[in-house]
Amino acid sequence: MIYRKEGNFYYLNYPINFRSERYGEDVSLPVDYKSDGATRALDIFSIGWFVHDKLCDTGKWDSGKRLTNWQASRVLSDILWQEKRYFRAGYWLLATFLFGGGKARENGLFKLKKQGSSQ
């Protein structure tokens, strides 16, 4: 199994290296990276939650470039689509965009804010 559950969290047993074809950027997750899965919802097996959580936790790609909340949500949606979870791809795109995002949200919803700006 690629991850294990401990309490309310999931931890990676193996590293994940994901490349977003849409954005041409990479996301790397180390062993023991922690995810809460689908926050306050029924969890399904998918690396999407780990990748999305890392993007929201850091607000950056591996390259150091910042990303927006839309991009983080879109990456999760792309992974779910690739897994043939078509309804969930659309549903979670909207749900994570509207209610999640962490540092990616702080960077901007659709367009990157200037660093140090609250606008």
PDB file of N, CA and C in Angstrom:
ATOM      1  N   MET A   1       0.847  -1.183   0.000  1.00  0.00           N
ATOM      2  CA  MET A   1       0.000   0.000   0.000  1.00  0.00           C
ATOM      3  C   MET A   1       0.889   1.242   0.000  1.00  0.00           C
ATOM      4  N   ILE A   2       0.492   2.231  -0.764  1.00  0.00           N
ATOM      5  CA  ILE A   2       1.319   3.438  -0.884  1.00  0.00           C
ATOM      6  C   ILE A   2       1.249   4.322   0.365  1.00  0.00           C
ATOM      7  N   TYR A   3       0.174   4.167   1.156  1.00  0.00           N
ATOM      8  CA  TYR A   3       0.065   4.959   2.376  1.00  0.00           C
ATOM      9  C   TYR A   3      -0.518   4.112   3.497  1.00  0.00           C
ATOM     10  N   ARG A   4      -0.394   4.648   4.711  1.00  0.00           N
ATOM     11  CA  ARG A   4      -0.985   3.995   5.883  1.00  0.00           C
ATOM     12  C   ARG A   4      -1.810   5.023   6.640  1.00  0.00           C
ATOM     13  N   LYS A   5      -2.824   4.552   7.328  1.00  0.00           N
ATOM     14  CA  LYS A   5      -3.677   5.440   8.123  1.00  0.00           C
ATOM     15  C   LYS A   5      -3.289   5.312   9.588  1.00  0.00           C
ATOM     16  N   GLU A   6      -3.114   6.458  10.222  1.00  0.00           N
ATOM     17  CA  GLU A   6      -2.850   6.518  11.661  1.00  0.00           C
ATOM     18  C   GLU A   6      -3.763   7.586  12.224  1.00  0.00           C
ATOM     19  N   GLY A   7      -4.753   7.166  12.981  1.00  0.00           N
ATOM     20  CA  GLY A   7      -5.737   8.115  13.507  1.00  0.00           C
ATOM     21  C   GLY A   7      -6.534   8.712  12.368  1.00  0.00           C
ATOM     22  N   ASN A   8      -6.588  10.028  12.299  1.00  0.00           N
ATOM     23  CA  ASN A   8      -7.336  10.728  11.250  1.00  0.00           C
ATOM     24  C   ASN A   8      -6.463  11.139  10.068  1.00  0.00           C
ATOM     25  N   PHE A   9      -5.222  10.675  10.034  1.00  0.00           N
ATOM     26  CA  PHE A   9      -4.299  11.101   8.991  1.00  0.00           C
ATOM     27  C   PHE A   9      -3.743   9.915   8.219  1.00  0.00           C
ATOM     28  N   TYR A  10      -3.213  10.234   7.040  1.00  0.00           N
ATOM     29  CA  TYR A  10      -2.576   9.259   6.166  1.00  0.00           C
ATOM     30  C   TYR A  10      -1.122   9.668   5.991  1.00  0.00           C
ATOM     31  N   TYR A  11      -0.241   8.672   5.918  1.00  0.00           N
ATOM     32  CA  TYR A  11       1.181   8.918   5.764  1.00  0.00           C
ATOM     33  C   TYR A  11       1.698   8.083   4.601  1.00  0.00           C
ATOM     34  N   LEU A  12       2.513   8.692   3.753  1.00  0.00           N
ATOM     35  CA  LEU A  12       3.071   7.973   2.614  1.00  0.00           C
ATOM     36  C   LEU A  12       4.095   6.940   3.056  1.00  0.00           C
ATOM     37  N   ASN A  13       4.009   5.759   2.495  1.00  0.00           N
ATOM     38  CA  ASN A  13       5.004   4.718   2.720  1.00  0.00           C
ATOM     39  C   ASN A  13       6.120   4.790   1.691  1.00  0.00           C
ATOM     40  N   TYR A  14       5.856   5.467   0.566  1.00  0.00           N
ATOM     41  CA  TYR A  14       6.806   5.609  -0.530  1.00  0.00           C
ATOM     42  C   TYR A  14       6.797   7.054  -0.999  1.00  0.00           C
ATOM     43  N   PRO A  15       7.903   7.532  -1.531  1.00  0.00           N
ATOM     44  CA  PRO A  15       7.895   8.893  -2.086  1.00  0.00           C
ATOM     45  C   PRO A  15       7.045   8.940  -3.355  1.00  0.00           C
ATOM     46  N   ILE A  16       6.477  10.099  -3.621  1.00  0.00           N
ATOM     47  CA  ILE A  16       5.701  10.330  -4.847  1.00  0.00           C
ATOM     48  C   ILE A  16       6.358  11.483  -5.594  1.00  0.00           C
ATOM     49  N   ASN A  17       6.540  11.296  -6.889  1.00  0.00           N
ATOM     50  CA  ASN A  17       6.987  12.366  -7.777  1.00  0.00           C
ATOM     51  C   ASN A  17       5.920  12.506  -8.845  1.00  0.00           C
ATOM     52  N   PHE A  18       5.216  13.630  -8.822  1.00  0.00           N
ATOM     53  CA  PHE A  18       4.118  13.856  -9.760  1.00  0.00           C
ATOM     54  C   PHE A  18       4.461  15.020 -10.675  1.00  0.00           C
ATOM     55  N   ARG A  19       4.200  14.857 -11.955  1.00  0.00           N
ATOM     56  CA  ARG A  19       4.400  15.933 -12.937  1.00  0.00           C
ATOM     57  C   ARG A  19       3.046  16.340 -13.473  1.00  0.00           C
ATOM     58  N   SER A  20       2.729  17.620 -13.342  1.00  0.00           N
ATOM     59  CA  SER A  20       1.494  18.148 -13.905  1.00  0.00           C
ATOM     60  C   SER A  20       1.715  18.416 -15.387  1.00  0.00           C
ATOM     61  N   GLU A  21       1.025  17.643 -16.213  1.00  0.00           N
ATOM     62  CA  GLU A  21       1.120  17.873 -17.657  1.00  0.00           C
ATOM     63  C   GLU A  21       0.511  19.224 -18.014  1.00  0.00           C
ATOM     64  N   ARG A  22      -0.540  19.611 -17.323  1.00  0.00           N
ATOM     65  CA  ARG A  22      -1.211  20.885 -17.599  1.00  0.00           C
ATOM     66  C   ARG A  22      -0.282  22.077 -17.369  1.00  0.00           C
ATOM     67  N   TYR A  23       0.461  22.046 -16.264  1.00  0.00           N
ATOM     68  CA  TYR A  23       1.290  23.197 -15.892  1.00  0.00           C
ATOM     69  C   TYR A  23       2.780  22.990 -16.128  1.00  0.00           C
ATOM     70  N   GLY A  24       3.193  21.765 -16.484  1.00  0.00           N
ATOM     71  CA  GLY A  24       4.606  21.503 -16.735  1.00  0.00           C
ATOM     72  C   GLY A  24       5.469  21.687 -15.506  1.00  0.00           C
ATOM     73  N   GLU A  25       4.907  21.358 -14.344  1.00  0.00           N
ATOM     74  CA  GLU A  25       5.612  21.525 -13.070  1.00  0.00           C
ATOM     75  C   GLU A  25       5.564  20.223 -12.286  1.00  0.00           C
ATOM     76  N   ASP A  26       6.510  20.079 -11.354  1.00  0.00           N
ATOM     77  CA  ASP A  26       6.637  18.868 -10.546  1.00  0.00           C
ATOM     78  C   ASP A  26       6.264  19.117  -9.091  1.00  0.00           C
ATOM     79  N   VAL A  27       5.802  18.039  -8.451  1.00  0.00           N
ATOM     80  CA  VAL A  27       5.509  18.033  -7.019  1.00  0.00           C
ATOM     81  C   VAL A  27       6.102  16.747  -6.459  1.00  0.00           C
ATOM     82  N   SER A  28       7.011  16.868  -5.505  1.00  0.00           N
ATOM     83  CA  SER A  28       7.647  15.708  -4.880  1.00  0.00           C
ATOM     84  C   SER A  28       7.222  15.631  -3.426  1.00  0.00           C
ATOM     85  N   LEU A  29       6.872  14.419  -3.016  1.00  0.00           N
ATOM     86  CA  LEU A  29       6.458  14.192  -1.634  1.00  0.00           C
ATOM     87  C   LEU A  29       7.329  13.102  -1.032  1.00  0.00           C
ATOM     88  N   PRO A  30       7.899  13.341   0.142  1.00  0.00           N
ATOM     89  CA  PRO A  30       8.777  12.351   0.763  1.00  0.00           C
ATOM     90  C   PRO A  30       7.981  11.269   1.504  1.00  0.00           C
ATOM     91  N   VAL A  31       8.658  10.201   1.846  1.00  0.00           N
ATOM     92  CA  VAL A  31       8.093   9.182   2.723  1.00  0.00           C
ATOM     93  C   VAL A  31       7.613   9.871   4.001  1.00  0.00           C
ATOM     94  N   ASP A  32       6.494   9.427   4.528  1.00  0.00           N
ATOM     95  CA  ASP A  32       5.884   9.937   5.757  1.00  0.00           C
ATOM     96  C   ASP A  32       5.202  11.290   5.589  1.00  0.00           C
ATOM     97  N   TYR A  33       5.043  11.770   4.335  1.00  0.00           N
ATOM     98  CA  TYR A  33       4.279  13.011   4.150  1.00  0.00           C
ATOM     99  C   TYR A  33       2.865  12.773   4.670  1.00  0.00           C
ATOM    100  N   LYS A  34       2.328  13.745   5.389  1.00  0.00           N
ATOM    101  CA  LYS A  34       1.041  13.610   6.075  1.00  0.00           C
ATOM    102  C   LYS A  34      -0.076  14.297   5.293  1.00  0.00           C
ATOM    103  N   SER A  35      -1.213  13.617   5.199  1.00  0.00           N
ATOM    104  CA  SER A  35      -2.393  14.168   4.539  1.00  0.00           C
ATOM    105  C   SER A  35      -3.619  13.844   5.383  1.00  0.00           C
ATOM    106  N   ASP A  36      -4.607  14.727   5.319  1.00  0.00           N
ATOM    107  CA  ASP A  36      -5.873  14.417   6.001  1.00  0.00           C
ATOM    108  C   ASP A  36      -6.870  13.805   5.030  1.00  0.00           C
ATOM    109  N   GLY A  37      -6.421  13.496   3.819  1.00  0.00           N
ATOM    110  CA  GLY A  37      -7.316  12.915   2.819  1.00  0.00           C
ATOM    111  C   GLY A  37      -8.310  13.945   2.331  1.00  0.00           C
ATOM    112  N   ALA A  38      -9.523  13.529   2.092  1.00  0.00           N
ATOM    113  CA  ALA A  38     -10.592  14.440   1.675  1.00  0.00           C
ATOM    114  C   ALA A  38     -11.162  15.072   2.937  1.00  0.00           C
ATOM    115  N   THR A  39     -10.724  16.263   3.239  1.00  0.00           N
ATOM    116  CA  THR A  39     -11.084  16.919   4.488  1.00  0.00           C
ATOM    117  C   THR A  39     -12.590  16.896   4.725  1.00  0.00           C
ATOM    118  N   ARG A  40     -12.988  16.353   5.868  1.00  0.00           N
ATOM    119  CA  ARG A  40     -14.393  16.292   6.291  1.00  0.00           C
ATOM    120  C   ARG A  40     -15.303  15.618   5.263  1.00  0.00           C
ATOM    121  N   ALA A  41     -14.771  14.641   4.522  1.00  0.00           N
ATOM    122  CA  ALA A  41     -15.568  13.917   3.520  1.00  0.00           C
ATOM    123  C   ALA A  41     -15.079  12.470   3.445  1.00  0.00           C
ATOM    124  N   LEU A  42     -15.822  11.653   2.736  1.00  0.00           N
ATOM    125  CA  LEU A  42     -15.454  10.255   2.551  1.00  0.00           C
ATOM    126  C   LEU A  42     -14.156  10.165   1.758  1.00  0.00           C
ATOM    127  N   ASP A  43     -13.192   9.462   2.310  1.00  0.00           N
ATOM    128  CA  ASP A  43     -11.900   9.310   1.640  1.00  0.00           C
ATOM    129  C   ASP A  43     -11.951   8.194   0.604  1.00  0.00           C
ATOM    130  N   ILE A  44     -11.195   8.388  -0.463  1.00  0.00           N
ATOM    131  CA  ILE A  44     -11.008   7.374  -1.487  1.00  0.00           C
ATOM    132  C   ILE A  44      -9.509   7.228  -1.696  1.00  0.00           C
ATOM    133  N   PHE A  45      -9.082   6.071  -2.184  1.00  0.00           N
ATOM    134  CA  PHE A  45      -7.662   5.891  -2.454  1.00  0.00           C
ATOM    135  C   PHE A  45      -7.285   6.729  -3.667  1.00  0.00           C
ATOM    136  N   SER A  46      -6.394   7.678  -3.476  1.00  0.00           N
ATOM    137  CA  SER A  46      -5.885   8.509  -4.564  1.00  0.00           C
ATOM    138  C   SER A  46      -4.639   9.231  -4.095  1.00  0.00           C
ATOM    139  N   ILE A  47      -3.645   9.331  -4.977  1.00  0.00           N
ATOM    140  CA  ILE A  47      -2.483  10.164  -4.633  1.00  0.00           C
ATOM    141  C   ILE A  47      -2.843  11.640  -4.724  1.00  0.00           C
ATOM    142  N   GLY A  48      -3.999  11.923  -5.313  1.00  0.00           N
ATOM    143  CA  GLY A  48      -4.429  13.313  -5.491  1.00  0.00           C
ATOM    144  C   GLY A  48      -4.473  14.105  -4.208  1.00  0.00           C
ATOM    145  N   TRP A  49      -4.918  13.462  -3.121  1.00  0.00           N
ATOM    146  CA  TRP A  49      -5.019  14.185  -1.849  1.00  0.00           C
ATOM    147  C   TRP A  49      -3.651  14.594  -1.346  1.00  0.00           C
ATOM    148  N   PHE A  50      -2.669  13.702  -1.482  1.00  0.00           N
ATOM    149  CA  PHE A  50      -1.312  14.030  -1.039  1.00  0.00           C
ATOM    150  C   PHE A  50      -0.736  15.175  -1.869  1.00  0.00           C
ATOM    151  N   VAL A  51      -0.888  15.085  -3.184  1.00  0.00           N
ATOM    152  CA  VAL A  51      -0.344  16.121  -4.071  1.00  0.00           C
ATOM    153  C   VAL A  51      -1.034  17.455  -3.785  1.00  0.00           C
ATOM    154  N   HIS A  52      -2.356  17.448  -3.694  1.00  0.00           N
ATOM    155  CA  HIS A  52      -3.099  18.679  -3.417  1.00  0.00           C
ATOM    156  C   HIS A  52      -2.698  19.266  -2.063  1.00  0.00           C
ATOM    157  N   ASP A  53      -2.597  18.420  -1.043  1.00  0.00           N
ATOM    158  CA  ASP A  53      -2.208  18.921   0.275  1.00  0.00           C
ATOM    159  C   ASP A  53      -0.826  19.566   0.246  1.00  0.00           C
ATOM    160  N   LYS A  54       0.115  18.945  -0.469  1.00  0.00           N
ATOM    161  CA  LYS A  54       1.468  19.522  -0.547  1.00  0.00           C
ATOM    162  C   LYS A  54       1.428  20.886  -1.241  1.00  0.00           C
ATOM    163  N   LEU A  55       0.670  20.990  -2.329  1.00  0.00           N
ATOM    164  CA  LEU A  55       0.569  22.273  -3.028  1.00  0.00           C
ATOM    165  C   LEU A  55      -0.057  23.338  -2.133  1.00  0.00           C
ATOM    166  N   CYS A  56      -1.054  22.954  -1.355  1.00  0.00           N
ATOM    167  CA  CYS A  56      -1.714  23.912  -0.463  1.00  0.00           C
ATOM    168  C   CYS A  56      -0.861  24.220   0.765  1.00  0.00           C
ATOM    169  N   ASP A  57      -0.112  23.226   1.255  1.00  0.00           N
ATOM    170  CA  ASP A  57       0.763  23.447   2.414  1.00  0.00           C
ATOM    171  C   ASP A  57       1.894  24.409   2.091  1.00  0.00           C
ATOM    172  N   THR A  58       2.439  24.318   0.868  1.00  0.00           N
ATOM    173  CA  THR A  58       3.615  25.117   0.507  1.00  0.00           C
ATOM    174  C   THR A  58       3.274  26.316  -0.370  1.00  0.00           C
ATOM    175  N   GLY A  59       2.239  26.190  -1.190  1.00  0.00           N
ATOM    176  CA  GLY A  59       1.905  27.257  -2.144  1.00  0.00           C
ATOM    177  C   GLY A  59       2.892  27.337  -3.297  1.00  0.00           C
ATOM    178  N   LYS A  60       3.704  26.269  -3.464  1.00  0.00           N
ATOM    179  CA  LYS A  60       4.753  26.299  -4.490  1.00  0.00           C
ATOM    180  C   LYS A  60       4.900  24.946  -5.166  1.00  0.00           C
ATOM    181  N   TRP A  61       5.408  25.008  -6.404  1.00  0.00           N
ATOM    182  CA  TRP A  61       5.854  23.821  -7.115  1.00  0.00           C
ATOM    183  C   TRP A  61       7.265  23.497  -6.635  1.00  0.00           C
ATOM    184  N   ASP A  62       7.777  22.346  -7.018  1.00  0.00           N
ATOM    185  CA  ASP A  62       9.163  21.997  -6.680  1.00  0.00           C
ATOM    186  C   ASP A  62      10.157  23.018  -7.228  1.00  0.00           C
ATOM    187  N   SER A  63       9.819  23.652  -8.333  1.00  0.00           N
ATOM    188  CA  SER A  63      10.705  24.646  -8.950  1.00  0.00           C
ATOM    189  C   SER A  63      10.830  25.913  -8.113  1.00  0.00           C
ATOM    190  N   GLY A  64       9.948  26.061  -7.110  1.00  0.00           N
ATOM    191  CA  GLY A  64       9.944  27.275  -6.295  1.00  0.00           C
ATOM    192  C   GLY A  64       8.937  28.312  -6.771  1.00  0.00           C
ATOM    193  N   LYS A  65       8.361  28.101  -7.957  1.00  0.00           N
ATOM    194  CA  LYS A  65       7.346  29.020  -8.463  1.00  0.00           C
ATOM    195  C   LYS A  65       6.082  28.889  -7.626  1.00  0.00           C
ATOM    196  N   ARG A  66       5.487  30.024  -7.309  1.00  0.00           N
ATOM    197  CA  ARG A  66       4.226  30.005  -6.559  1.00  0.00           C
ATOM    198  C   ARG A  66       3.078  29.593  -7.478  1.00  0.00           C
ATOM    199  N   LEU A  67       2.012  29.084  -6.884  1.00  0.00           N
ATOM    200  CA  LEU A  67       0.835  28.714  -7.658  1.00  0.00           C
ATOM    201  C   LEU A  67      -0.413  29.250  -6.983  1.00  0.00           C
ATOM    202  N   THR A  68      -1.500  29.300  -7.746  1.00  0.00           N
ATOM    203  CA  THR A  68      -2.771  29.824  -7.242  1.00  0.00           C
ATOM    204  C   THR A  68      -3.642  28.698  -6.685  1.00  0.00           C
ATOM    205  N   ASN A  69      -4.685  29.100  -6.006  1.00  0.00           N
ATOM    206  CA  ASN A  69      -5.662  28.144  -5.490  1.00  0.00           C
ATOM    207  C   ASN A  69      -6.300  27.364  -6.641  1.00  0.00           C
ATOM    208  N   TRP A  70      -6.620  28.046  -7.741  1.00  0.00           N
ATOM    209  CA  TRP A  70      -7.209  27.368  -8.897  1.00  0.00           C
ATOM    210  C   TRP A  70      -6.280  26.276  -9.422  1.00  0.00           C
ATOM    211  N   GLN A  71      -4.979  26.582  -9.512  1.00  0.00           N
ATOM    212  CA  GLN A  71      -4.027  25.595 -10.011  1.00  0.00           C
ATOM    213  C   GLN A  71      -3.958  24.371  -9.095  1.00  0.00           C
ATOM    214  N   ALA A  72      -3.926  24.584  -7.790  1.00  0.00           N
ATOM    215  CA  ALA A  72      -3.888  23.458  -6.849  1.00  0.00           C
ATOM    216  C   ALA A  72      -5.137  22.590  -6.999  1.00  0.00           C
ATOM    217  N   SER A  73      -6.290  23.229  -7.104  1.00  0.00           N
ATOM    218  CA  SER A  73      -7.548  22.494  -7.269  1.00  0.00           C
ATOM    219  C   SER A  73      -7.584  21.774  -8.608  1.00  0.00           C
ATOM    220  N   ARG A  74      -7.061  22.427  -9.617  1.00  0.00           N
ATOM    221  CA  ARG A  74      -7.060  21.843 -10.963  1.00  0.00           C
ATOM    222  C   ARG A  74      -6.173  20.596 -11.027  1.00  0.00           C
ATOM    223  N   VAL A  75      -5.047  20.625 -10.320  1.00  0.00           N
ATOM    224  CA  VAL A  75      -4.155  19.455 -10.289  1.00  0.00           C
ATOM    225  C   VAL A  75      -4.873  18.268  -9.648  1.00  0.00           C
ATOM    226  N   LEU A  76      -5.567  18.489  -8.534  1.00  0.00           N
ATOM    227  CA  LEU A  76      -6.340  17.410  -7.919  1.00  0.00           C
ATOM    228  C   LEU A  76      -7.370  16.874  -8.913  1.00  0.00           C
ATOM    229  N   SER A  77      -8.070  17.770  -9.565  1.00  0.00           N
ATOM    230  CA  SER A  77      -9.077  17.375 -10.546  1.00  0.00           C
ATOM    231  C   SER A  77      -8.450  16.566 -11.684  1.00  0.00           C
ATOM    232  N   ASP A  78      -7.306  16.991 -12.166  1.00  0.00           N
ATOM    233  CA  ASP A  78      -6.619  16.264 -13.243  1.00  0.00           C
ATOM    234  C   ASP A  78      -6.252  14.840 -12.808  1.00  0.00           C
ATOM    235  N   ILE A  79      -5.773  14.697 -11.572  1.00  0.00           N
ATOM    236  CA  ILE A  79      -5.411  13.364 -11.077  1.00  0.00           C
ATOM    237  C   ILE A  79      -6.656  12.486 -10.981  1.00  0.00           C
ATOM    238  N   LEU A  80      -7.736  13.014 -10.423  1.00  0.00           N
ATOM    239  CA  LEU A  80      -8.972  12.241 -10.306  1.00  0.00           C
ATOM    240  C   LEU A  80      -9.507  11.860 -11.694  1.00  0.00           C
ATOM    241  N   TRP A  81      -9.397  12.759 -12.651  1.00  0.00           N
ATOM    242  CA  TRP A  81      -9.834  12.471 -14.026  1.00  0.00           C
ATOM    243  C   TRP A  81      -9.008  11.326 -14.616  1.00  0.00           C
ATOM    244  N   GLN A  82      -7.678  11.387 -14.408  1.00  0.00           N
ATOM    245  CA  GLN A  82      -6.798  10.323 -14.901  1.00  0.00           C
ATOM    246  C   GLN A  82      -7.152   8.982 -14.270  1.00  0.00           C
ATOM    247  N   GLU A  83      -7.663   9.017 -13.038  1.00  0.00           N
ATOM    248  CA  GLU A  83      -8.077   7.798 -12.334  1.00  0.00           C
ATOM    249  C   GLU A  83      -9.499   7.372 -12.725  1.00  0.00           C
ATOM    250  N   LYS A  84     -10.064   8.068 -13.709  1.00  0.00           N
ATOM    251  CA  LYS A  84     -11.412   7.794 -14.226  1.00  0.00           C
ATOM    252  C   LYS A  84     -12.512   8.049 -13.196  1.00  0.00           C
ATOM    253  N   ARG A  85     -12.257   8.995 -12.331  1.00  0.00           N
ATOM    254  CA  ARG A  85     -13.251   9.427 -11.340  1.00  0.00           C
ATOM    255  C   ARG A  85     -13.806  10.767 -11.828  1.00  0.00           C
ATOM    256  N   TYR A  86     -14.566  10.695 -12.894  1.00  0.00           N
ATOM    257  CA  TYR A  86     -14.980  11.893 -13.623  1.00  0.00           C
ATOM    258  C   TYR A  86     -15.878  12.812 -12.796  1.00  0.00           C
ATOM    259  N   PHE A  87     -16.875  12.259 -12.126  1.00  0.00           N
ATOM    260  CA  PHE A  87     -17.752  13.099 -11.306  1.00  0.00           C
ATOM    261  C   PHE A  87     -16.966  13.752 -10.182  1.00  0.00           C
ATOM    262  N   ARG A  88     -16.144  12.955  -9.502  1.00  0.00           N
ATOM    263  CA  ARG A  88     -15.355  13.500  -8.387  1.00  0.00           C
ATOM    264  C   ARG A  88     -14.362  14.556  -8.865  1.00  0.00           C
ATOM    265  N   ALA A  89     -13.854  14.389 -10.071  1.00  0.00           N
ATOM    266  CA  ALA A  89     -12.915  15.382 -10.616  1.00  0.00           C
ATOM    267  C   ALA A  89     -13.569  16.759 -10.671  1.00  0.00           C
ATOM    268  N   GLY A  90     -14.805  16.812 -11.124  1.00  0.00           N
ATOM    269  CA  GLY A  90     -15.516  18.090 -11.183  1.00  0.00           C
ATOM    270  C   GLY A  90     -15.945  18.582  -9.821  1.00  0.00           C
ATOM    271  N   TYR A  91     -16.478  17.664  -9.016  1.00  0.00           N
ATOM    272  CA  TYR A  91     -16.963  18.020  -7.683  1.00  0.00           C
ATOM    273  C   TYR A  91     -15.827  18.564  -6.820  1.00  0.00           C
ATOM    274  N   TRP A  92     -14.706  17.836  -6.776  1.00  0.00           N
ATOM    275  CA  TRP A  92     -13.594  18.248  -5.917  1.00  0.00           C
ATOM    276  C   TRP A  92     -12.849  19.461  -6.465  1.00  0.00           C
ATOM    277  N   LEU A  93     -12.898  19.680  -7.758  1.00  0.00           N
ATOM    278  CA  LEU A  93     -12.343  20.922  -8.310  1.00  0.00           C
ATOM    279  C   LEU A  93     -13.040  22.111  -7.664  1.00  0.00           C
ATOM    280  N   LEU A  94     -14.367  22.085  -7.663  1.00  0.00           N
ATOM    281  CA  LEU A  94     -15.138  23.191  -7.086  1.00  0.00           C
ATOM    282  C   LEU A  94     -15.024  23.252  -5.565  1.00  0.00           C
ATOM    283  N   ALA A  95     -15.156  22.107  -4.900  1.00  0.00           N
ATOM    284  CA  ALA A  95     -15.132  22.092  -3.435  1.00  0.00           C
ATOM    285  C   ALA A  95     -13.789  22.574  -2.880  1.00  0.00           C
ATOM    286  N   THR A  96     -12.682  22.072  -3.449  1.00  0.00           N
ATOM    287  CA  THR A  96     -11.378  22.494  -2.931  1.00  0.00           C
ATOM    288  C   THR A  96     -11.085  23.949  -3.289  1.00  0.00           C
ATOM    289  N   PHE A  97     -11.563  24.387  -4.443  1.00  0.00           N
ATOM    290  CA  PHE A  97     -11.358  25.788  -4.817  1.00  0.00           C
ATOM    291  C   PHE A  97     -12.133  26.716  -3.883  1.00  0.00           C
ATOM    292  N   LEU A  98     -13.386  26.374  -3.607  1.00  0.00           N
ATOM    293  CA  LEU A  98     -14.235  27.248  -2.790  1.00  0.00           C
ATOM    294  C   LEU A  98     -13.876  27.232  -1.312  1.00  0.00           C
ATOM    295  N   PHE A  99     -13.445  26.082  -0.799  1.00  0.00           N
ATOM    296  CA  PHE A  99     -13.295  25.944   0.649  1.00  0.00           C
ATOM    297  C   PHE A  99     -11.890  25.608   1.132  1.00  0.00           C
ATOM    298  N   GLY A 100     -10.945  25.421   0.242  1.00  0.00           N
ATOM    299  CA  GLY A 100      -9.598  25.038   0.655  1.00  0.00           C
ATOM    300  C   GLY A 100      -8.552  25.953   0.072  1.00  0.00           C
ATOM    301  N   GLY A 101      -7.334  25.480   0.065  1.00  0.00           N
ATOM    302  CA  GLY A 101      -6.284  26.207  -0.634  1.00  0.00           C
ATOM    303  C   GLY A 101      -5.062  26.560   0.172  1.00  0.00           C
ATOM    304  N   GLY A 102      -5.212  26.820   1.471  1.00  0.00           N
ATOM    305  CA  GLY A 102      -4.050  27.151   2.294  1.00  0.00           C
ATOM    306  C   GLY A 102      -3.173  28.235   1.691  1.00  0.00           C
ATOM    307  N   LYS A 103      -1.881  27.957   1.572  1.00  0.00           N
ATOM    308  CA  LYS A 103      -0.931  28.946   1.038  1.00  0.00           C
ATOM    309  C   LYS A 103      -1.163  29.219  -0.439  1.00  0.00           C
ATOM    310  N   ALA A 104      -1.670  28.236  -1.170  1.00  0.00           N
ATOM    311  CA  ALA A 104      -1.993  28.478  -2.581  1.00  0.00           C
ATOM    312  C   ALA A 104      -3.092  29.538  -2.669  1.00  0.00           C
ATOM    313  N   ARG A 105      -4.065  29.482  -1.778  1.00  0.00           N
ATOM    314  CA  ARG A 105      -5.142  30.470  -1.741  1.00  0.00           C
ATOM    315  C   ARG A 105      -4.586  31.851  -1.381  1.00  0.00           C
ATOM    316  N   GLU A 106      -3.647  31.867  -0.429  1.00  0.00           N
ATOM    317  CA  GLU A 106      -3.011  33.134  -0.051  1.00  0.00           C
ATOM    318  C   GLU A 106      -2.277  33.765  -1.231  1.00  0.00           C
ATOM    319  N   ASN A 107      -1.782  32.924  -2.148  1.00  0.00           N
ATOM    320  CA  ASN A 107      -1.084  33.429  -3.339  1.00  0.00           C
ATOM    321  C   ASN A 107      -2.036  34.087  -4.330  1.00  0.00           C
ATOM    322  N   GLY A 108      -3.309  33.744  -4.252  1.00  0.00           N
ATOM    323  CA  GLY A 108      -4.304  34.287  -5.171  1.00  0.00           C
ATOM    324  C   GLY A 108      -5.266  33.200  -5.614  1.00  0.00           C
ATOM    325  N   LEU A 109      -6.478  33.600  -5.953  1.00  0.00           N
ATOM    326  CA  LEU A 109      -7.468  32.618  -6.381  1.00  0.00           C
ATOM    327  C   LEU A 109      -7.189  32.126  -7.793  1.00  0.00           C
ATOM    328  N   PHE A 110      -7.167  33.051  -8.753  1.00  0.00           N
ATOM    329  CA  PHE A 110      -6.895  32.704 -10.153  1.00  0.00           C
ATOM    330  C   PHE A 110      -5.574  33.282 -10.641  1.00  0.00           C
ATOM    331  N   LYS A 111      -5.218  34.413 -10.095  1.00  0.00           N
ATOM    332  CA  LYS A 111      -4.027  35.143 -10.526  1.00  0.00           C
ATOM    333  C   LYS A 111      -3.127  35.357  -9.311  1.00  0.00           C
ATOM    334  N   LEU A 112      -1.820  35.186  -9.509  1.00  0.00           N
ATOM    335  CA  LEU A 112      -0.889  35.363  -8.408  1.00  0.00           C
ATOM    336  C   LEU A 112      -0.886  36.813  -7.922  1.00  0.00           C
ATOM    337  N   LYS A 113      -0.985  36.986  -6.619  1.00  0.00           N
ATOM    338  CA  LYS A 113      -0.840  38.311  -6.018  1.00  0.00           C
ATOM    339  C   LYS A 113       0.642  38.657  -6.007  1.00  0.00           C
ATOM    340  N   LYS A 114       0.915  39.936  -5.974  1.00  0.00           N
ATOM    341  CA  LYS A 114       2.304  40.357  -5.795  1.00  0.00           C
ATOM    342  C   LYS A 114       2.739  39.910  -4.421  1.00  0.00           C
ATOM    343  N   GLN A 115       3.966  39.416  -4.292  1.00  0.00           N
ATOM    344  CA  GLN A 115       4.425  38.955  -2.996  1.00  0.00           C
ATOM    345  C   GLN A 115       4.426  40.102  -2.009  1.00  0.00           C
ATOM    346  N   GLY A 116       3.940  39.829  -0.784  1.00  0.00           N
ATOM    347  CA  GLY A 116       3.847  40.860   0.241  1.00  0.00           C
ATOM    348  C   GLY A 116       2.605  41.709   0.119  1.00  0.00           C
ATOM    349  N   SER A 117       1.716  41.379  -0.838  1.00  0.00           N
ATOM    350  CA  SER A 117       0.505  42.165  -1.054  1.00  0.00           C
ATOM    351  C   SER A 117      -0.693  41.433  -0.465  1.00  0.00           C
ATOM    352  N   SER A 118      -1.633  42.188   0.081  1.00  0.00           N
ATOM    353  CA  SER A 118      -2.869  41.593   0.596  1.00  0.00           C
ATOM    354  C   SER A 118      -3.990  41.747  -0.418  1.00  0.00           C
ATOM    355  N   GLN A 119      -3.692  42.298  -1.576  1.00  0.00           N
ATOM    356  CA  GLN A 119      -4.714  42.538  -2.610  1.00  0.00           C
ATOM    357  C   GLN A 119      -4.969  41.303  -3.427  1.00  0.00           C
TER     358      GLN A 119
END
